[in-house]
Amino acid sequence: MENKNTFMSNEEILSILNQEAEAVRNIPITDGFERAVDLIVKQVSELGGNLITSGMGKAGQIAMNIATTFCSTGTPAYFLHPSEAQHGDLGIIRKNDLMLLISNSGKTRELLELVSLTRGLVPNMQFIVITGNPDSPLAAKADVCIPTGNPKEVCPLGLTPTTSTTVMTVIGDILVVSTMKRINFTNADYAKRHHGGYLGSKSRELCKNNYSKK
């Protein structure tokens, strides 16, 4: 029998919304954002490499989302699963690539191993790390570290990645938008990458409107 008393009240829902919003507002604004975008533009836009994102578990899902968003906005990127990398997928890495790793703890074993394995293949590979622990072993291996602010999870157990993945996503959005501006990504560029669906139609319509105004 369902216990209706366990359902959250409107006040509890509002509290979660406020905690998530506060975590986003408290993301530390450091020079790491600018330095990360500098690396992305140099390695991908100028040198022709790819942005490789990686992470385990929920952080890995965020890393995958960031990669697809970069792809759709003019910066070639792909997600590399850190475990699969140990079984041959590491071979896709090239010398001009750049890696973006995400770990809330900064202690994820698979990512620490990925750094070592990657540098065994491409010794001068550079790493951007998004983490809740800027003093962690993974952060120490980074060329650029972007801290999340290590917000408290809204999960009642304090364990499930919830607020931490929210701020990771927002940091990814900041990097994507900043890179788009740096490379002057246009509606026409967007339309070339979105043939189908609503966004494809909308981007082509915007291109036509811009052309008719000239």
N, C-alpha and C. Protein backbone atom coordinates (compact mmCIF):
# COMPACT_ATOMS: atom_id res chain seq x y z
N MET A 1 0.84 -1.19 0.00
CA MET A 1 0.00 0.00 0.00
C MET A 1 0.89 1.26 0.00
N GLU A 2 0.54 2.20 -0.86
CA GLU A 2 1.34 3.40 -1.00
C GLU A 2 1.24 4.29 0.23
N ASN A 3 2.39 4.76 0.67
CA ASN A 3 2.41 5.69 1.80
C ASN A 3 2.47 7.11 1.25
N LYS A 4 1.34 7.77 1.22
CA LYS A 4 1.25 9.10 0.62
C LYS A 4 2.04 10.14 1.40
N ASN A 5 2.32 9.84 2.66
CA ASN A 5 3.05 10.80 3.48
C ASN A 5 4.51 10.94 3.05
N THR A 6 4.99 9.99 2.22
CA THR A 6 6.39 10.05 1.78
C THR A 6 6.57 10.98 0.58
N PHE A 7 5.47 11.41 -0.05
CA PHE A 7 5.60 12.29 -1.21
C PHE A 7 5.99 13.69 -0.75
N MET A 8 6.86 14.32 -1.55
CA MET A 8 7.36 15.64 -1.16
C MET A 8 6.29 16.71 -1.26
N SER A 9 6.34 17.63 -0.36
CA SER A 9 5.45 18.79 -0.40
C SER A 9 6.00 19.82 -1.39
N ASN A 10 5.18 20.79 -1.71
CA ASN A 10 5.64 21.87 -2.59
C ASN A 10 6.83 22.61 -1.99
N GLU A 11 6.81 22.75 -0.67
CA GLU A 11 7.91 23.43 0.02
C GLU A 11 9.21 22.65 -0.12
N GLU A 12 9.11 21.32 -0.06
CA GLU A 12 10.30 20.49 -0.21
C GLU A 12 10.84 20.55 -1.64
N ILE A 13 9.93 20.56 -2.60
CA ILE A 13 10.34 20.69 -4.00
C ILE A 13 11.03 22.03 -4.23
N LEU A 14 10.44 23.09 -3.66
CA LEU A 14 11.03 24.42 -3.79
C LEU A 14 12.41 24.46 -3.14
N SER A 15 12.57 23.76 -2.03
CA SER A 15 13.86 23.72 -1.35
C SER A 15 14.93 23.09 -2.23
N ILE A 16 14.57 22.00 -2.93
CA ILE A 16 15.52 21.36 -3.83
C ILE A 16 15.89 22.29 -4.98
N LEU A 17 14.89 22.97 -5.53
CA LEU A 17 15.16 23.92 -6.61
C LEU A 17 16.10 25.02 -6.14
N ASN A 18 15.86 25.51 -4.94
CA ASN A 18 16.70 26.58 -4.40
C ASN A 18 18.13 26.09 -4.14
N GLN A 19 18.27 24.86 -3.64
CA GLN A 19 19.60 24.33 -3.38
C GLN A 19 20.38 24.15 -4.69
N GLU A 20 19.70 23.65 -5.72
CA GLU A 20 20.36 23.46 -7.01
C GLU A 20 20.76 24.81 -7.60
N ALA A 21 19.85 25.78 -7.53
CA ALA A 21 20.14 27.11 -8.08
C ALA A 21 21.29 27.77 -7.33
N GLU A 22 21.32 27.61 -6.01
CA GLU A 22 22.38 28.19 -5.20
C GLU A 22 23.73 27.56 -5.55
N ALA A 23 23.73 26.26 -5.82
CA ALA A 23 24.96 25.58 -6.19
C ALA A 23 25.51 26.14 -7.50
N VAL A 24 24.63 26.41 -8.44
CA VAL A 24 25.05 27.00 -9.72
C VAL A 24 25.61 28.39 -9.51
N ARG A 25 24.93 29.19 -8.67
CA ARG A 25 25.41 30.55 -8.41
C ARG A 25 26.77 30.55 -7.71
N ASN A 26 27.08 29.48 -6.99
CA ASN A 26 28.33 29.42 -6.23
C ASN A 26 29.46 28.70 -6.96
N ILE A 27 29.28 28.40 -8.24
CA ILE A 27 30.40 27.83 -9.01
C ILE A 27 31.53 28.85 -9.01
N PRO A 28 32.73 28.47 -8.58
CA PRO A 28 33.84 29.43 -8.56
C PRO A 28 34.18 29.94 -9.96
N ILE A 29 34.26 31.24 -10.10
CA ILE A 29 34.64 31.84 -11.39
C ILE A 29 36.13 32.12 -11.34
N THR A 30 36.89 31.28 -12.01
CA THR A 30 38.34 31.39 -12.00
C THR A 30 38.86 31.57 -13.43
N ASP A 31 40.18 31.76 -13.55
CA ASP A 31 40.76 31.89 -14.89
C ASP A 31 40.80 30.55 -15.61
N GLY A 32 40.38 29.49 -14.91
CA GLY A 32 40.35 28.18 -15.52
C GLY A 32 39.43 28.12 -16.73
N PHE A 33 38.33 28.88 -16.70
CA PHE A 33 37.41 28.89 -17.84
C PHE A 33 38.11 29.43 -19.09
N GLU A 34 38.74 30.58 -18.94
CA GLU A 34 39.42 31.20 -20.09
C GLU A 34 40.57 30.32 -20.58
N ARG A 35 41.34 29.77 -19.67
CA ARG A 35 42.46 28.92 -20.04
C ARG A 35 41.99 27.66 -20.75
N ALA A 36 40.87 27.10 -20.29
CA ALA A 36 40.32 25.90 -20.92
C ALA A 36 39.87 26.21 -22.35
N VAL A 37 39.18 27.33 -22.53
CA VAL A 37 38.73 27.69 -23.88
C VAL A 37 39.92 27.98 -24.79
N ASP A 38 40.95 28.61 -24.24
CA ASP A 38 42.17 28.85 -25.03
C ASP A 38 42.72 27.52 -25.55
N LEU A 39 42.77 26.52 -24.69
CA LEU A 39 43.29 25.21 -25.09
C LEU A 39 42.40 24.55 -26.14
N ILE A 40 41.09 24.62 -25.93
CA ILE A 40 40.15 24.01 -26.87
C ILE A 40 40.27 24.64 -28.25
N VAL A 41 40.31 25.96 -28.30
CA VAL A 41 40.41 26.66 -29.58
C VAL A 41 41.73 26.33 -30.27
N LYS A 42 42.81 26.34 -29.50
CA LYS A 42 44.12 26.07 -30.09
C LYS A 42 44.21 24.64 -30.63
N GLN A 43 43.89 23.66 -29.78
CA GLN A 43 44.09 22.27 -30.17
C GLN A 43 43.10 21.80 -31.24
N VAL A 44 41.86 22.23 -31.14
CA VAL A 44 40.83 21.74 -32.05
C VAL A 44 40.66 22.64 -33.27
N SER A 45 40.39 23.92 -33.05
CA SER A 45 40.11 24.83 -34.17
C SER A 45 41.36 25.16 -34.98
N GLU A 46 42.50 25.31 -34.30
CA GLU A 46 43.72 25.72 -34.99
C GLU A 46 44.60 24.55 -35.42
N LEU A 47 44.72 23.53 -34.58
CA LEU A 47 45.62 22.43 -34.89
C LEU A 47 44.90 21.20 -35.44
N GLY A 48 43.58 21.23 -35.46
CA GLY A 48 42.82 20.14 -36.08
C GLY A 48 42.66 18.89 -35.25
N GLY A 49 42.87 18.99 -33.94
CA GLY A 49 42.66 17.84 -33.08
C GLY A 49 41.21 17.70 -32.68
N ASN A 50 40.95 16.76 -31.79
CA ASN A 50 39.61 16.56 -31.25
C ASN A 50 39.62 16.80 -29.75
N LEU A 51 38.48 17.20 -29.23
CA LEU A 51 38.29 17.28 -27.78
C LEU A 51 37.75 15.93 -27.33
N ILE A 52 38.45 15.29 -26.42
CA ILE A 52 38.04 13.98 -25.92
C ILE A 52 37.56 14.15 -24.48
N THR A 53 36.32 13.79 -24.21
CA THR A 53 35.79 13.89 -22.85
C THR A 53 35.71 12.50 -22.23
N SER A 54 35.82 12.44 -20.90
CA SER A 54 35.76 11.14 -20.24
C SER A 54 35.32 11.31 -18.79
N GLY A 55 34.73 10.27 -18.26
CA GLY A 55 34.29 10.23 -16.88
C GLY A 55 33.63 8.90 -16.61
N MET A 56 33.50 8.54 -15.35
CA MET A 56 32.85 7.29 -14.97
C MET A 56 31.47 7.57 -14.37
N GLY A 57 30.56 6.63 -14.56
CA GLY A 57 29.24 6.74 -13.94
C GLY A 57 28.47 7.96 -14.40
N LYS A 58 27.83 8.66 -13.45
CA LYS A 58 27.03 9.83 -13.79
C LYS A 58 27.88 10.94 -14.39
N ALA A 59 29.11 11.11 -13.88
CA ALA A 59 30.01 12.12 -14.44
C ALA A 59 30.34 11.79 -15.89
N GLY A 60 30.41 10.50 -16.19
CA GLY A 60 30.66 10.09 -17.57
C GLY A 60 29.51 10.46 -18.48
N GLN A 61 28.29 10.36 -17.97
CA GLN A 61 27.13 10.74 -18.77
C GLN A 61 27.15 12.24 -19.07
N ILE A 62 27.59 13.03 -18.10
CA ILE A 62 27.72 14.47 -18.32
C ILE A 62 28.81 14.73 -19.36
N ALA A 63 29.92 14.00 -19.25
CA ALA A 63 31.01 14.15 -20.21
C ALA A 63 30.55 13.82 -21.62
N MET A 64 29.72 12.81 -21.75
CA MET A 64 29.19 12.42 -23.06
C MET A 64 28.30 13.53 -23.63
N ASN A 65 27.47 14.10 -22.77
CA ASN A 65 26.58 15.19 -23.20
C ASN A 65 27.39 16.41 -23.65
N ILE A 66 28.45 16.72 -22.91
CA ILE A 66 29.30 17.86 -23.27
C ILE A 66 29.94 17.62 -24.64
N ALA A 67 30.38 16.39 -24.89
CA ALA A 67 31.01 16.08 -26.17
C ALA A 67 30.03 16.28 -27.33
N THR A 68 28.80 15.79 -27.18
CA THR A 68 27.84 15.93 -28.28
C THR A 68 27.45 17.39 -28.50
N THR A 69 27.40 18.17 -27.42
CA THR A 69 27.07 19.59 -27.56
C THR A 69 28.19 20.34 -28.27
N PHE A 70 29.44 20.02 -27.92
CA PHE A 70 30.57 20.62 -28.63
C PHE A 70 30.52 20.26 -30.12
N CYS A 71 30.24 19.00 -30.42
CA CYS A 71 30.18 18.56 -31.82
C CYS A 71 29.16 19.37 -32.62
N SER A 72 28.03 19.61 -32.02
CA SER A 72 26.96 20.30 -32.73
C SER A 72 27.21 21.79 -32.88
N THR A 73 28.24 22.30 -32.20
CA THR A 73 28.51 23.74 -32.25
C THR A 73 29.91 24.05 -32.78
N GLY A 74 30.42 23.17 -33.64
CA GLY A 74 31.62 23.48 -34.38
C GLY A 74 32.94 23.02 -33.80
N THR A 75 32.91 22.27 -32.70
CA THR A 75 34.14 21.77 -32.09
C THR A 75 34.08 20.25 -32.05
N PRO A 76 34.76 19.56 -32.97
CA PRO A 76 34.73 18.10 -33.00
C PRO A 76 35.15 17.49 -31.67
N ALA A 77 34.31 16.62 -31.14
CA ALA A 77 34.57 16.02 -29.83
C ALA A 77 33.94 14.64 -29.77
N TYR A 78 34.46 13.82 -28.89
CA TYR A 78 33.85 12.52 -28.67
C TYR A 78 34.11 12.07 -27.24
N PHE A 79 33.27 11.14 -26.78
CA PHE A 79 33.40 10.59 -25.44
C PHE A 79 34.21 9.30 -25.49
N LEU A 80 35.19 9.18 -24.61
CA LEU A 80 35.99 7.97 -24.49
C LEU A 80 35.74 7.35 -23.12
N HIS A 81 35.18 6.15 -23.09
CA HIS A 81 34.93 5.50 -21.81
C HIS A 81 36.28 5.07 -21.22
N PRO A 82 36.57 5.46 -19.98
CA PRO A 82 37.89 5.17 -19.42
C PRO A 82 38.20 3.69 -19.28
N SER A 83 37.18 2.86 -19.08
CA SER A 83 37.43 1.43 -18.99
C SER A 83 37.67 0.82 -20.36
N GLU A 84 36.87 1.23 -21.34
CA GLU A 84 37.06 0.73 -22.70
C GLU A 84 38.40 1.19 -23.27
N ALA A 85 38.88 2.32 -22.78
CA ALA A 85 40.18 2.82 -23.25
C ALA A 85 41.28 1.81 -22.95
N GLN A 86 41.12 1.05 -21.84
CA GLN A 86 42.12 0.06 -21.46
C GLN A 86 42.04 -1.21 -22.29
N HIS A 87 41.04 -1.28 -23.14
CA HIS A 87 40.86 -2.48 -23.97
C HIS A 87 40.93 -2.12 -25.46
N GLY A 88 41.74 -1.11 -25.77
CA GLY A 88 42.01 -0.80 -27.17
C GLY A 88 41.49 0.53 -27.67
N ASP A 89 40.44 1.08 -27.03
CA ASP A 89 39.87 2.33 -27.52
C ASP A 89 40.82 3.52 -27.36
N LEU A 90 41.84 3.36 -26.54
CA LEU A 90 42.85 4.42 -26.36
C LEU A 90 43.53 4.75 -27.69
N GLY A 91 43.52 3.79 -28.60
CA GLY A 91 44.19 3.98 -29.88
C GLY A 91 43.61 5.07 -30.76
N ILE A 92 42.46 5.60 -30.40
CA ILE A 92 41.85 6.67 -31.21
C ILE A 92 42.49 8.03 -30.93
N ILE A 93 43.26 8.12 -29.86
CA ILE A 93 43.87 9.39 -29.47
C ILE A 93 45.02 9.77 -30.40
N ARG A 94 45.06 11.06 -30.79
CA ARG A 94 46.12 11.57 -31.66
C ARG A 94 46.86 12.71 -30.97
N LYS A 95 47.99 13.10 -31.56
CA LYS A 95 48.89 14.04 -30.89
C LYS A 95 48.30 15.43 -30.66
N ASN A 96 47.40 15.89 -31.50
CA ASN A 96 46.86 17.25 -31.33
C ASN A 96 45.55 17.29 -30.55
N ASP A 97 45.15 16.15 -30.01
CA ASP A 97 43.91 16.10 -29.25
C ASP A 97 44.07 16.75 -27.89
N LEU A 98 42.94 16.95 -27.24
CA LEU A 98 42.88 17.55 -25.90
C LEU A 98 41.86 16.78 -25.10
N MET A 99 42.13 16.53 -23.81
CA MET A 99 41.21 15.73 -23.01
C MET A 99 40.54 16.55 -21.91
N LEU A 100 39.26 16.30 -21.74
CA LEU A 100 38.46 16.94 -20.70
C LEU A 100 37.91 15.83 -19.80
N LEU A 101 38.39 15.77 -18.57
CA LEU A 101 38.00 14.72 -17.64
C LEU A 101 37.11 15.28 -16.53
N ILE A 102 36.10 14.50 -16.14
CA ILE A 102 35.16 14.96 -15.11
C ILE A 102 35.09 13.93 -13.98
N SER A 103 35.34 14.39 -12.76
CA SER A 103 35.26 13.53 -11.58
C SER A 103 34.97 14.40 -10.37
N ASN A 104 33.87 14.12 -9.69
CA ASN A 104 33.52 14.93 -8.53
C ASN A 104 34.57 14.79 -7.42
N SER A 105 35.00 13.57 -7.17
CA SER A 105 35.97 13.32 -6.10
C SER A 105 37.39 13.66 -6.53
N GLY A 106 37.67 13.58 -7.82
CA GLY A 106 39.02 13.77 -8.31
C GLY A 106 39.92 12.59 -7.97
N LYS A 107 39.30 11.49 -7.56
CA LYS A 107 40.07 10.30 -7.17
C LYS A 107 39.66 9.07 -7.98
N THR A 108 38.86 9.25 -9.01
CA THR A 108 38.37 8.12 -9.80
C THR A 108 39.53 7.33 -10.39
N ARG A 109 39.65 6.08 -9.97
CA ARG A 109 40.79 5.26 -10.37
C ARG A 109 40.92 5.15 -11.89
N GLU A 110 39.81 4.92 -12.56
CA GLU A 110 39.87 4.72 -14.01
C GLU A 110 40.39 5.97 -14.74
N LEU A 111 40.07 7.14 -14.21
CA LEU A 111 40.54 8.37 -14.85
C LEU A 111 42.02 8.62 -14.57
N LEU A 112 42.44 8.31 -13.36
CA LEU A 112 43.86 8.45 -13.04
C LEU A 112 44.69 7.52 -13.92
N GLU A 113 44.18 6.32 -14.13
CA GLU A 113 44.86 5.38 -15.01
C GLU A 113 44.83 5.87 -16.46
N LEU A 114 43.71 6.48 -16.84
CA LEU A 114 43.58 7.00 -18.21
C LEU A 114 44.63 8.07 -18.50
N VAL A 115 44.88 8.92 -17.53
CA VAL A 115 45.90 9.96 -17.70
C VAL A 115 47.26 9.32 -17.96
N SER A 116 47.62 8.33 -17.15
CA SER A 116 48.92 7.67 -17.30
C SER A 116 49.02 6.94 -18.63
N LEU A 117 47.97 6.23 -19.00
CA LEU A 117 47.97 5.48 -20.26
C LEU A 117 48.05 6.41 -21.46
N THR A 118 47.32 7.52 -21.37
CA THR A 118 47.31 8.48 -22.48
C THR A 118 48.69 9.10 -22.66
N ARG A 119 49.32 9.47 -21.57
CA ARG A 119 50.64 10.10 -21.68
C ARG A 119 51.71 9.08 -22.10
N GLY A 120 51.40 7.80 -21.94
CA GLY A 120 52.29 6.79 -22.47
C GLY A 120 52.21 6.72 -23.98
N LEU A 121 51.06 7.10 -24.52
CA LEU A 121 50.85 7.09 -25.96
C LEU A 121 51.17 8.44 -26.58
N VAL A 122 50.70 9.51 -25.93
CA VAL A 122 50.95 10.89 -26.40
C VAL A 122 51.50 11.66 -25.20
N PRO A 123 52.83 11.69 -25.03
CA PRO A 123 53.45 12.25 -23.81
C PRO A 123 53.06 13.69 -23.49
N ASN A 124 52.81 14.51 -24.50
CA ASN A 124 52.52 15.92 -24.23
C ASN A 124 51.02 16.23 -24.25
N MET A 125 50.18 15.20 -24.10
CA MET A 125 48.73 15.42 -24.05
C MET A 125 48.39 16.37 -22.90
N GLN A 126 47.48 17.31 -23.15
CA GLN A 126 47.05 18.25 -22.12
C GLN A 126 45.66 17.87 -21.62
N PHE A 127 45.41 18.18 -20.34
CA PHE A 127 44.17 17.76 -19.70
C PHE A 127 43.47 18.94 -19.02
N ILE A 128 42.16 19.02 -19.26
CA ILE A 128 41.28 19.91 -18.51
C ILE A 128 40.50 19.02 -17.56
N VAL A 129 40.42 19.40 -16.30
CA VAL A 129 39.71 18.58 -15.30
C VAL A 129 38.63 19.42 -14.62
N ILE A 130 37.42 18.90 -14.61
CA ILE A 130 36.31 19.49 -13.86
C ILE A 130 36.10 18.61 -12.64
N THR A 131 36.23 19.19 -11.45
CA THR A 131 36.15 18.38 -10.23
C THR A 131 35.64 19.18 -9.04
N GLY A 132 35.09 18.46 -8.08
CA GLY A 132 34.67 19.09 -6.84
C GLY A 132 35.81 19.17 -5.83
N ASN A 133 36.96 18.60 -6.20
CA ASN A 133 38.09 18.57 -5.27
C ASN A 133 39.36 19.05 -5.99
N PRO A 134 39.62 20.36 -5.97
CA PRO A 134 40.80 20.90 -6.67
C PRO A 134 42.13 20.49 -6.06
N ASP A 135 42.10 19.85 -4.88
CA ASP A 135 43.32 19.37 -4.25
C ASP A 135 43.52 17.86 -4.46
N SER A 136 42.77 17.29 -5.37
CA SER A 136 42.77 15.85 -5.58
C SER A 136 43.92 15.39 -6.48
N PRO A 137 44.18 14.09 -6.51
CA PRO A 137 45.23 13.55 -7.39
C PRO A 137 44.97 13.85 -8.87
N LEU A 138 43.70 13.81 -9.29
CA LEU A 138 43.39 14.08 -10.70
C LEU A 138 43.64 15.55 -11.03
N ALA A 139 43.24 16.44 -10.13
CA ALA A 139 43.46 17.87 -10.34
C ALA A 139 44.95 18.17 -10.45
N ALA A 140 45.76 17.45 -9.68
CA ALA A 140 47.20 17.67 -9.69
C ALA A 140 47.82 17.31 -11.04
N LYS A 141 47.15 16.44 -11.79
CA LYS A 141 47.67 16.03 -13.10
C LYS A 141 47.16 16.92 -14.23
N ALA A 142 46.28 17.87 -13.90
CA ALA A 142 45.63 18.69 -14.93
C ALA A 142 46.48 19.88 -15.35
N ASP A 143 46.34 20.25 -16.61
CA ASP A 143 46.93 21.50 -17.08
C ASP A 143 46.01 22.66 -16.71
N VAL A 144 44.71 22.39 -16.69
CA VAL A 144 43.70 23.36 -16.27
C VAL A 144 42.70 22.64 -15.38
N CYS A 145 42.45 23.18 -14.20
CA CYS A 145 41.46 22.61 -13.30
C CYS A 145 40.31 23.61 -13.11
N ILE A 146 39.09 23.14 -13.31
CA ILE A 146 37.91 23.97 -13.09
C ILE A 146 37.12 23.37 -11.93
N PRO A 147 37.12 24.03 -10.76
CA PRO A 147 36.40 23.49 -9.60
C PRO A 147 34.90 23.75 -9.69
N THR A 148 34.12 22.81 -9.19
CA THR A 148 32.66 22.94 -9.22
C THR A 148 32.13 23.70 -8.01
N GLY A 149 32.93 23.83 -6.98
CA GLY A 149 32.46 24.39 -5.72
C GLY A 149 32.05 23.31 -4.73
N ASN A 150 32.08 22.05 -5.20
CA ASN A 150 31.77 20.89 -4.36
C ASN A 150 30.47 21.06 -3.58
N PRO A 151 29.35 21.28 -4.27
CA PRO A 151 28.08 21.48 -3.56
C PRO A 151 27.59 20.20 -2.90
N LYS A 152 26.80 20.36 -1.84
CA LYS A 152 26.18 19.23 -1.17
C LYS A 152 25.09 18.64 -2.05
N GLU A 153 25.06 17.32 -2.17
CA GLU A 153 24.03 16.67 -2.99
C GLU A 153 22.65 16.84 -2.35
N VAL A 154 21.64 17.06 -3.17
CA VAL A 154 20.28 17.17 -2.64
C VAL A 154 19.68 15.79 -2.33
N CYS A 155 20.33 14.75 -2.79
CA CYS A 155 19.92 13.39 -2.44
C CYS A 155 19.82 13.27 -0.93
N PRO A 156 18.72 12.72 -0.39
CA PRO A 156 18.57 12.63 1.07
C PRO A 156 19.64 11.79 1.75
N LEU A 157 20.31 10.94 0.97
CA LEU A 157 21.41 10.15 1.52
C LEU A 157 22.73 10.90 1.45
N GLY A 158 22.75 11.97 0.66
CA GLY A 158 23.98 12.72 0.46
C GLY A 158 24.98 11.99 -0.40
N LEU A 159 24.51 11.01 -1.17
CA LEU A 159 25.40 10.17 -1.96
C LEU A 159 25.17 10.25 -3.47
N THR A 160 23.91 10.17 -3.88
CA THR A 160 23.60 10.11 -5.31
C THR A 160 24.02 11.40 -6.03
N PRO A 161 24.79 11.31 -7.12
CA PRO A 161 25.16 12.51 -7.87
C PRO A 161 23.91 13.23 -8.37
N THR A 162 23.64 14.38 -7.81
CA THR A 162 22.47 15.19 -8.17
C THR A 162 22.92 16.63 -8.39
N THR A 163 23.16 17.34 -7.32
CA THR A 163 23.63 18.73 -7.44
C THR A 163 24.99 18.79 -8.11
N SER A 164 25.84 17.82 -7.84
CA SER A 164 27.19 17.83 -8.44
C SER A 164 27.11 17.72 -9.96
N THR A 165 26.19 16.89 -10.46
CA THR A 165 26.08 16.75 -11.92
C THR A 165 25.41 17.97 -12.54
N THR A 166 24.58 18.65 -11.76
CA THR A 166 23.98 19.90 -12.26
C THR A 166 25.06 20.94 -12.54
N VAL A 167 25.97 21.13 -11.59
CA VAL A 167 27.00 22.15 -11.78
C VAL A 167 28.01 21.72 -12.85
N MET A 168 28.26 20.43 -12.98
CA MET A 168 29.13 19.94 -14.06
C MET A 168 28.54 20.29 -15.42
N THR A 169 27.22 20.10 -15.54
CA THR A 169 26.54 20.41 -16.80
C THR A 169 26.64 21.90 -17.12
N VAL A 170 26.44 22.74 -16.11
CA VAL A 170 26.50 24.18 -16.32
C VAL A 170 27.92 24.61 -16.72
N ILE A 171 28.92 24.03 -16.09
CA ILE A 171 30.30 24.35 -16.47
C ILE A 171 30.56 23.95 -17.92
N GLY A 172 30.04 22.79 -18.31
CA GLY A 172 30.15 22.39 -19.71
C GLY A 172 29.49 23.38 -20.64
N ASP A 173 28.32 23.88 -20.26
CA ASP A 173 27.62 24.88 -21.08
C ASP A 173 28.45 26.16 -21.22
N ILE A 174 29.09 26.58 -20.13
CA ILE A 174 29.93 27.78 -20.19
C ILE A 174 31.06 27.59 -21.17
N LEU A 175 31.70 26.42 -21.13
CA LEU A 175 32.80 26.15 -22.05
C LEU A 175 32.33 26.12 -23.50
N VAL A 176 31.17 25.50 -23.73
CA VAL A 176 30.63 25.43 -25.09
C VAL A 176 30.30 26.81 -25.63
N VAL A 177 29.56 27.59 -24.86
CA VAL A 177 29.14 28.92 -25.31
C VAL A 177 30.35 29.83 -25.53
N SER A 178 31.30 29.77 -24.61
CA SER A 178 32.51 30.60 -24.75
C SER A 178 33.29 30.22 -26.00
N THR A 179 33.38 28.92 -26.27
CA THR A 179 34.09 28.47 -27.47
C THR A 179 33.36 28.89 -28.73
N MET A 180 32.03 28.79 -28.74
CA MET A 180 31.25 29.23 -29.89
C MET A 180 31.54 30.69 -30.23
N LYS A 181 31.61 31.51 -29.19
CA LYS A 181 31.88 32.93 -29.41
C LYS A 181 33.29 33.15 -29.95
N ARG A 182 34.25 32.39 -29.42
CA ARG A 182 35.64 32.54 -29.85
C ARG A 182 35.84 32.15 -31.31
N ILE A 183 35.12 31.12 -31.78
CA ILE A 183 35.31 30.65 -33.15
C ILE A 183 34.28 31.27 -34.11
N ASN A 184 33.48 32.20 -33.59
CA ASN A 184 32.48 32.90 -34.40
C ASN A 184 31.52 31.93 -35.09
N PHE A 185 30.97 31.01 -34.32
CA PHE A 185 30.06 30.01 -34.85
C PHE A 185 28.71 30.66 -35.18
N THR A 186 28.24 30.48 -36.41
CA THR A 186 27.06 31.19 -36.90
C THR A 186 25.85 30.27 -37.10
N ASN A 187 24.71 30.88 -37.43
CA ASN A 187 23.51 30.11 -37.76
C ASN A 187 23.75 29.20 -38.95
N ALA A 188 24.49 29.72 -39.93
CA ALA A 188 24.80 28.92 -41.12
C ALA A 188 25.65 27.71 -40.74
N ASP A 189 26.59 27.90 -39.85
CA ASP A 189 27.42 26.78 -39.38
C ASP A 189 26.56 25.75 -38.64
N TYR A 190 25.63 26.25 -37.86
CA TYR A 190 24.75 25.36 -37.10
C TYR A 190 23.86 24.55 -38.04
N ALA A 191 23.33 25.22 -39.07
CA ALA A 191 22.43 24.55 -40.02
C ALA A 191 23.13 23.41 -40.75
N LYS A 192 24.41 23.56 -41.04
CA LYS A 192 25.16 22.51 -41.74
C LYS A 192 25.27 21.25 -40.90
N ARG A 193 25.15 21.39 -39.60
CA ARG A 193 25.30 20.25 -38.70
C ARG A 193 23.96 19.71 -38.20
N HIS A 194 22.87 20.37 -38.56
CA HIS A 194 21.55 19.96 -38.10
C HIS A 194 20.59 19.91 -39.28
N HIS A 195 20.59 18.78 -39.96
CA HIS A 195 19.72 18.67 -41.13
C HIS A 195 18.27 18.40 -40.73
N GLY A 196 18.08 17.53 -39.75
CA GLY A 196 16.73 17.12 -39.39
C GLY A 196 16.20 17.78 -38.14
N GLY A 197 14.92 17.57 -37.89
CA GLY A 197 14.30 18.03 -36.66
C GLY A 197 14.00 19.51 -36.61
N TYR A 198 13.44 19.90 -35.49
CA TYR A 198 13.02 21.29 -35.29
C TYR A 198 14.19 22.25 -35.36
N LEU A 199 15.31 21.88 -34.69
CA LEU A 199 16.46 22.78 -34.67
C LEU A 199 17.05 22.97 -36.06
N GLY A 200 17.02 21.91 -36.87
CA GLY A 200 17.51 22.03 -38.24
C GLY A 200 16.67 23.02 -39.04
N SER A 201 15.36 22.89 -38.91
CA SER A 201 14.46 23.81 -39.63
C SER A 201 14.62 25.24 -39.14
N LYS A 202 14.72 25.39 -37.83
CA LYS A 202 14.83 26.73 -37.26
C LYS A 202 16.14 27.40 -37.68
N SER A 203 17.24 26.65 -37.68
CA SER A 203 18.53 27.24 -38.05
C SER A 203 18.54 27.65 -39.51
N ARG A 204 17.92 26.85 -40.39
CA ARG A 204 17.87 27.22 -41.81
C ARG A 204 16.98 28.44 -42.02
N GLU A 205 15.90 28.53 -41.24
CA GLU A 205 15.01 29.69 -41.33
C GLU A 205 15.74 30.96 -40.90
N LEU A 206 16.53 30.85 -39.84
CA LEU A 206 17.32 32.00 -39.37
C LEU A 206 18.33 32.43 -40.42
N CYS A 207 18.92 31.45 -41.09
CA CYS A 207 19.88 31.77 -42.15
C CYS A 207 19.21 32.54 -43.28
N LYS A 208 18.01 32.10 -43.67
CA LYS A 208 17.27 32.77 -44.74
C LYS A 208 16.91 34.20 -44.33
N ASN A 209 16.48 34.36 -43.08
CA ASN A 209 16.11 35.69 -42.60
C ASN A 209 17.31 36.62 -42.58
N ASN A 210 18.44 36.10 -42.14
CA ASN A 210 19.66 36.91 -42.12
C ASN A 210 20.11 37.31 -43.53
N TYR A 211 19.94 36.36 -44.47
CA TYR A 211 20.35 36.65 -45.85
C TYR A 211 19.44 37.69 -46.49
N SER A 212 18.11 37.61 -46.18
CA SER A 212 17.17 38.55 -46.78
C SER A 212 17.34 39.97 -46.27
N LYS A 213 17.96 40.12 -45.08
CA LYS A 213 18.17 41.44 -44.52
C LYS A 213 19.38 42.15 -45.13
N LYS A 214 20.22 41.38 -45.85
CA LYS A 214 21.43 41.98 -46.42
C LYS A 214 21.12 42.75 -47.70
